[in-house]
Amino acid sequence: RPSRLAVGGEREPALSIHHGEWRRHARYFLQKGHASVQSVAMHPKRPDLLVVGFNNGVFSLFEMPTATHIQSLSVSQHELKTAAVNCTGEWIALASAKLGQVL
């Protein structure tokens, strides 16, 4: 199985989508005031943790599948276009395209 280089130089297994039948069990709306969701990330080995980046520079952590809010933090005044979790699940990377920064 191919792998890719992750944050910190660690190897991360390539993700694959399994073919079959998918069903939606529930629907949750993740909003912070008037902000909209710009990016999401989930660790493949720990799918109970969801990282969400909003267009107002805030990111939030949610416990899935109930979408229970764990924590929010404002890290920028600009939208967070990309969110990622490293292969061990210990680090979260957020990127702002307008600033050209990775946080």
N, C-alpha and C. Protein backbone atom coordinates (compact mmCIF):
# COMPACT_ATOMS: atom_id res chain seq x y z
N ARG A 1 0.84 -1.18 0.00
CA ARG A 1 0.00 0.00 0.00
C ARG A 1 0.88 1.24 0.00
N PRO A 2 0.64 2.20 -0.91
CA PRO A 2 1.49 3.38 -0.97
C PRO A 2 1.32 4.25 0.28
N SER A 3 2.33 5.08 0.55
CA SER A 3 2.25 5.99 1.68
C SER A 3 2.70 7.36 1.23
N ARG A 4 2.47 8.35 2.09
CA ARG A 4 2.89 9.70 1.77
C ARG A 4 3.60 10.28 2.98
N LEU A 5 4.43 11.30 2.74
CA LEU A 5 5.17 11.93 3.81
C LEU A 5 4.26 12.88 4.55
N ALA A 6 4.18 12.74 5.87
CA ALA A 6 3.29 13.56 6.68
C ALA A 6 4.09 14.64 7.41
N VAL A 7 3.39 15.49 8.16
CA VAL A 7 4.02 16.53 8.95
C VAL A 7 5.02 15.87 9.90
N GLY A 8 6.23 16.41 9.99
CA GLY A 8 7.24 15.85 10.87
C GLY A 8 8.05 14.74 10.24
N GLY A 9 7.89 14.50 8.93
CA GLY A 9 8.67 13.50 8.23
C GLY A 9 8.22 12.06 8.46
N GLU A 10 7.09 11.87 9.11
CA GLU A 10 6.59 10.52 9.38
C GLU A 10 5.86 9.99 8.16
N ARG A 11 5.86 8.69 7.99
CA ARG A 11 5.13 8.07 6.88
C ARG A 11 3.68 7.87 7.30
N GLU A 12 2.79 8.19 6.40
CA GLU A 12 1.36 8.05 6.65
C GLU A 12 0.78 7.17 5.57
N PRO A 13 -0.01 6.15 5.92
CA PRO A 13 -0.57 5.29 4.88
C PRO A 13 -1.56 6.06 4.00
N ALA A 14 -1.59 5.71 2.74
CA ALA A 14 -2.52 6.34 1.81
C ALA A 14 -3.95 5.96 2.20
N LEU A 15 -4.86 6.90 2.06
CA LEU A 15 -6.26 6.65 2.38
C LEU A 15 -6.96 6.02 1.19
N SER A 16 -7.90 5.16 1.48
CA SER A 16 -8.68 4.57 0.40
C SER A 16 -10.15 4.60 0.78
N ILE A 17 -10.99 4.71 -0.20
CA ILE A 17 -12.44 4.70 0.01
C ILE A 17 -12.95 3.33 -0.35
N HIS A 18 -13.64 2.72 0.57
CA HIS A 18 -14.19 1.39 0.33
C HIS A 18 -15.50 1.52 -0.43
N HIS A 19 -15.62 0.71 -1.45
CA HIS A 19 -16.84 0.72 -2.25
C HIS A 19 -17.92 -0.07 -1.53
N GLY A 20 -19.12 0.36 -1.66
CA GLY A 20 -20.23 -0.32 -1.01
C GLY A 20 -21.37 0.65 -0.80
N GLU A 21 -22.16 0.38 0.16
CA GLU A 21 -23.33 1.20 0.45
C GLU A 21 -23.05 2.10 1.64
N TRP A 22 -23.35 3.39 1.47
CA TRP A 22 -23.16 4.37 2.53
C TRP A 22 -24.53 4.89 2.95
N ARG A 23 -24.70 5.09 4.24
CA ARG A 23 -25.96 5.65 4.75
C ARG A 23 -25.66 6.77 5.73
N ARG A 24 -26.48 7.79 5.70
CA ARG A 24 -26.37 8.88 6.67
C ARG A 24 -27.22 8.50 7.87
N HIS A 25 -26.60 8.45 9.03
CA HIS A 25 -27.31 8.09 10.26
C HIS A 25 -27.84 9.32 10.98
N ALA A 26 -27.18 10.46 10.82
CA ALA A 26 -27.60 11.69 11.49
C ALA A 26 -27.03 12.88 10.72
N ARG A 27 -27.58 14.05 11.00
CA ARG A 27 -27.10 15.28 10.39
C ARG A 27 -26.89 16.30 11.50
N TYR A 28 -25.70 16.92 11.50
CA TYR A 28 -25.37 17.93 12.49
C TYR A 28 -24.93 19.19 11.77
N PHE A 29 -25.29 20.34 12.32
CA PHE A 29 -24.90 21.63 11.77
C PHE A 29 -23.83 22.22 12.68
N LEU A 30 -22.64 22.41 12.13
CA LEU A 30 -21.53 22.93 12.90
C LEU A 30 -21.33 24.40 12.55
N GLN A 31 -21.77 25.28 13.42
CA GLN A 31 -21.64 26.71 13.18
C GLN A 31 -21.07 27.39 14.41
N LYS A 32 -20.34 28.45 14.17
CA LYS A 32 -19.82 29.31 15.21
C LYS A 32 -20.27 30.72 14.88
N GLY A 33 -21.39 31.13 15.45
CA GLY A 33 -21.93 32.45 15.12
C GLY A 33 -22.34 32.48 13.66
N HIS A 34 -21.79 33.44 12.92
CA HIS A 34 -22.11 33.57 11.49
C HIS A 34 -21.02 32.96 10.61
N ALA A 35 -20.08 32.24 11.21
CA ALA A 35 -18.97 31.65 10.44
C ALA A 35 -19.43 30.40 9.72
N SER A 36 -18.79 30.12 8.59
CA SER A 36 -19.10 28.90 7.84
C SER A 36 -17.88 27.98 7.82
N VAL A 37 -18.13 26.71 7.63
CA VAL A 37 -17.08 25.70 7.61
C VAL A 37 -16.26 25.85 6.34
N GLN A 38 -14.92 25.88 6.48
CA GLN A 38 -14.02 25.98 5.33
C GLN A 38 -13.21 24.71 5.13
N SER A 39 -12.90 24.00 6.22
CA SER A 39 -12.07 22.80 6.10
C SER A 39 -12.39 21.84 7.23
N VAL A 40 -12.21 20.56 6.96
CA VAL A 40 -12.42 19.52 7.97
C VAL A 40 -11.32 18.47 7.84
N ALA A 41 -11.00 17.83 8.96
CA ALA A 41 -10.02 16.74 8.95
C ALA A 41 -10.41 15.75 10.03
N MET A 42 -10.12 14.49 9.75
CA MET A 42 -10.40 13.42 10.70
C MET A 42 -9.24 12.43 10.63
N HIS A 43 -8.78 11.97 11.77
CA HIS A 43 -7.68 11.00 11.82
C HIS A 43 -8.22 9.64 11.41
N PRO A 44 -7.57 8.95 10.46
CA PRO A 44 -8.11 7.67 9.97
C PRO A 44 -8.15 6.57 11.03
N LYS A 45 -7.24 6.61 11.99
CA LYS A 45 -7.25 5.58 13.03
C LYS A 45 -8.06 6.00 14.26
N ARG A 46 -8.47 7.26 14.31
CA ARG A 46 -9.28 7.75 15.41
C ARG A 46 -10.43 8.59 14.85
N PRO A 47 -11.41 7.94 14.24
CA PRO A 47 -12.48 8.68 13.57
C PRO A 47 -13.46 9.34 14.51
N ASP A 48 -13.23 9.26 15.82
CA ASP A 48 -14.13 9.93 16.76
C ASP A 48 -13.76 11.38 16.99
N LEU A 49 -12.66 11.87 16.39
CA LEU A 49 -12.22 13.25 16.56
C LEU A 49 -12.28 13.97 15.22
N LEU A 50 -13.04 15.05 15.16
CA LEU A 50 -13.21 15.85 13.95
C LEU A 50 -12.66 17.25 14.19
N VAL A 51 -11.79 17.72 13.29
CA VAL A 51 -11.23 19.06 13.35
C VAL A 51 -11.94 19.88 12.27
N VAL A 52 -12.47 21.04 12.65
CA VAL A 52 -13.20 21.89 11.72
C VAL A 52 -12.60 23.29 11.73
N GLY A 53 -12.22 23.80 10.54
CA GLY A 53 -11.72 25.17 10.39
C GLY A 53 -12.80 26.05 9.80
N PHE A 54 -13.00 27.22 10.38
CA PHE A 54 -14.05 28.14 9.95
C PHE A 54 -13.47 29.34 9.20
N ASN A 55 -14.34 30.09 8.52
CA ASN A 55 -13.88 31.23 7.72
C ASN A 55 -13.53 32.45 8.56
N ASN A 56 -13.71 32.41 9.87
CA ASN A 56 -13.36 33.54 10.73
C ASN A 56 -12.07 33.29 11.52
N GLY A 57 -11.31 32.24 11.17
CA GLY A 57 -10.04 31.96 11.82
C GLY A 57 -10.15 31.10 13.07
N VAL A 58 -11.31 30.59 13.36
CA VAL A 58 -11.53 29.73 14.52
C VAL A 58 -11.49 28.28 14.07
N PHE A 59 -10.89 27.41 14.89
CA PHE A 59 -11.02 25.99 14.64
C PHE A 59 -11.61 25.34 15.86
N SER A 60 -12.35 24.26 15.65
CA SER A 60 -13.02 23.56 16.73
C SER A 60 -12.77 22.06 16.63
N LEU A 61 -12.78 21.42 17.78
CA LEU A 61 -12.69 19.96 17.86
C LEU A 61 -14.04 19.41 18.29
N PHE A 62 -14.48 18.36 17.61
CA PHE A 62 -15.76 17.73 17.92
C PHE A 62 -15.54 16.24 18.11
N GLU A 63 -16.29 15.67 19.05
CA GLU A 63 -16.28 14.22 19.24
C GLU A 63 -17.41 13.64 18.41
N MET A 64 -17.06 12.68 17.59
CA MET A 64 -18.04 12.05 16.72
C MET A 64 -18.41 10.68 17.27
N PRO A 65 -19.53 10.12 17.00
CA PRO A 65 -20.51 10.51 15.99
C PRO A 65 -21.59 11.46 16.50
N THR A 66 -21.49 11.92 17.74
CA THR A 66 -22.55 12.78 18.30
C THR A 66 -22.31 14.26 18.05
N ALA A 67 -21.18 14.64 17.45
CA ALA A 67 -20.80 16.02 17.19
C ALA A 67 -20.78 16.86 18.47
N THR A 68 -20.29 16.26 19.55
CA THR A 68 -20.16 16.97 20.82
C THR A 68 -18.96 17.90 20.75
N HIS A 69 -19.19 19.19 21.05
CA HIS A 69 -18.14 20.19 20.99
C HIS A 69 -17.14 19.96 22.12
N ILE A 70 -15.85 19.87 21.80
CA ILE A 70 -14.80 19.68 22.80
C ILE A 70 -14.10 20.99 23.11
N GLN A 71 -13.63 21.69 22.07
CA GLN A 71 -12.85 22.91 22.27
C GLN A 71 -12.84 23.75 21.01
N SER A 72 -12.73 25.07 21.19
CA SER A 72 -12.57 26.00 20.07
C SER A 72 -11.44 26.95 20.39
N LEU A 73 -10.75 27.40 19.34
CA LEU A 73 -9.65 28.33 19.53
C LEU A 73 -9.55 29.22 18.30
N SER A 74 -9.42 30.52 18.52
CA SER A 74 -9.23 31.47 17.43
C SER A 74 -7.74 31.61 17.19
N VAL A 75 -7.28 31.23 16.00
CA VAL A 75 -5.86 31.28 15.69
C VAL A 75 -5.52 32.31 14.61
N SER A 76 -6.52 32.92 14.01
CA SER A 76 -6.29 33.88 12.93
C SER A 76 -7.54 34.73 12.76
N GLN A 77 -7.40 35.80 11.99
CA GLN A 77 -8.56 36.60 11.62
C GLN A 77 -9.02 36.26 10.20
N HIS A 78 -8.32 35.33 9.57
CA HIS A 78 -8.62 34.95 8.20
C HIS A 78 -9.08 33.50 8.14
N GLU A 79 -9.74 33.15 7.05
CA GLU A 79 -10.31 31.81 6.93
C GLU A 79 -9.23 30.73 6.93
N LEU A 80 -9.56 29.61 7.54
CA LEU A 80 -8.67 28.45 7.61
C LEU A 80 -9.06 27.49 6.48
N LYS A 81 -8.31 27.56 5.39
CA LYS A 81 -8.66 26.83 4.18
C LYS A 81 -8.34 25.35 4.24
N THR A 82 -7.37 24.94 5.08
CA THR A 82 -6.97 23.55 5.14
C THR A 82 -6.76 23.12 6.58
N ALA A 83 -7.20 21.91 6.90
CA ALA A 83 -6.96 21.31 8.21
C ALA A 83 -6.43 19.90 7.98
N ALA A 84 -5.48 19.48 8.82
CA ALA A 84 -4.91 18.13 8.69
C ALA A 84 -4.50 17.63 10.07
N VAL A 85 -4.51 16.31 10.22
CA VAL A 85 -4.07 15.65 11.45
C VAL A 85 -2.94 14.71 11.07
N ASN A 86 -1.83 14.72 11.84
CA ASN A 86 -0.71 13.84 11.46
C ASN A 86 -1.05 12.38 11.73
N CYS A 87 -0.17 11.49 11.29
CA CYS A 87 -0.47 10.05 11.32
C CYS A 87 -0.60 9.49 12.73
N THR A 88 0.00 10.12 13.74
CA THR A 88 -0.15 9.63 15.12
C THR A 88 -1.35 10.27 15.82
N GLY A 89 -1.90 11.33 15.23
CA GLY A 89 -3.04 12.01 15.83
C GLY A 89 -2.66 13.01 16.91
N GLU A 90 -1.36 13.30 17.05
CA GLU A 90 -0.89 14.20 18.10
C GLU A 90 -0.82 15.66 17.67
N TRP A 91 -0.78 15.93 16.36
CA TRP A 91 -0.62 17.29 15.87
C TRP A 91 -1.74 17.65 14.89
N ILE A 92 -2.14 18.89 14.96
CA ILE A 92 -3.13 19.44 14.03
C ILE A 92 -2.45 20.56 13.25
N ALA A 93 -2.59 20.55 11.94
CA ALA A 93 -2.05 21.62 11.10
C ALA A 93 -3.22 22.37 10.47
N LEU A 94 -3.15 23.69 10.51
CA LEU A 94 -4.17 24.55 9.92
C LEU A 94 -3.47 25.52 8.99
N ALA A 95 -4.09 25.83 7.86
CA ALA A 95 -3.45 26.73 6.89
C ALA A 95 -4.41 27.83 6.48
N SER A 96 -3.84 29.03 6.40
CA SER A 96 -4.58 30.20 5.92
C SER A 96 -3.99 30.61 4.57
N ALA A 97 -4.75 30.48 3.50
CA ALA A 97 -4.27 30.80 2.16
C ALA A 97 -3.99 32.30 2.02
N LYS A 98 -4.82 33.11 2.64
CA LYS A 98 -4.65 34.58 2.51
C LYS A 98 -3.33 35.04 3.11
N LEU A 99 -2.93 34.45 4.23
CA LEU A 99 -1.68 34.82 4.88
C LEU A 99 -0.50 34.00 4.37
N GLY A 100 -0.77 32.87 3.71
CA GLY A 100 0.29 31.99 3.27
C GLY A 100 1.00 31.34 4.44
N GLN A 101 0.26 31.02 5.50
CA GLN A 101 0.84 30.46 6.72
C GLN A 101 0.25 29.11 7.06
N VAL A 102 1.08 28.28 7.68
CA VAL A 102 0.62 27.05 8.28
C VAL A 102 0.74 27.24 9.78
N LEU A 103 -0.34 26.97 10.49
CA LEU A 103 -0.36 27.19 11.94
C LEU A 103 -0.35 25.86 12.67
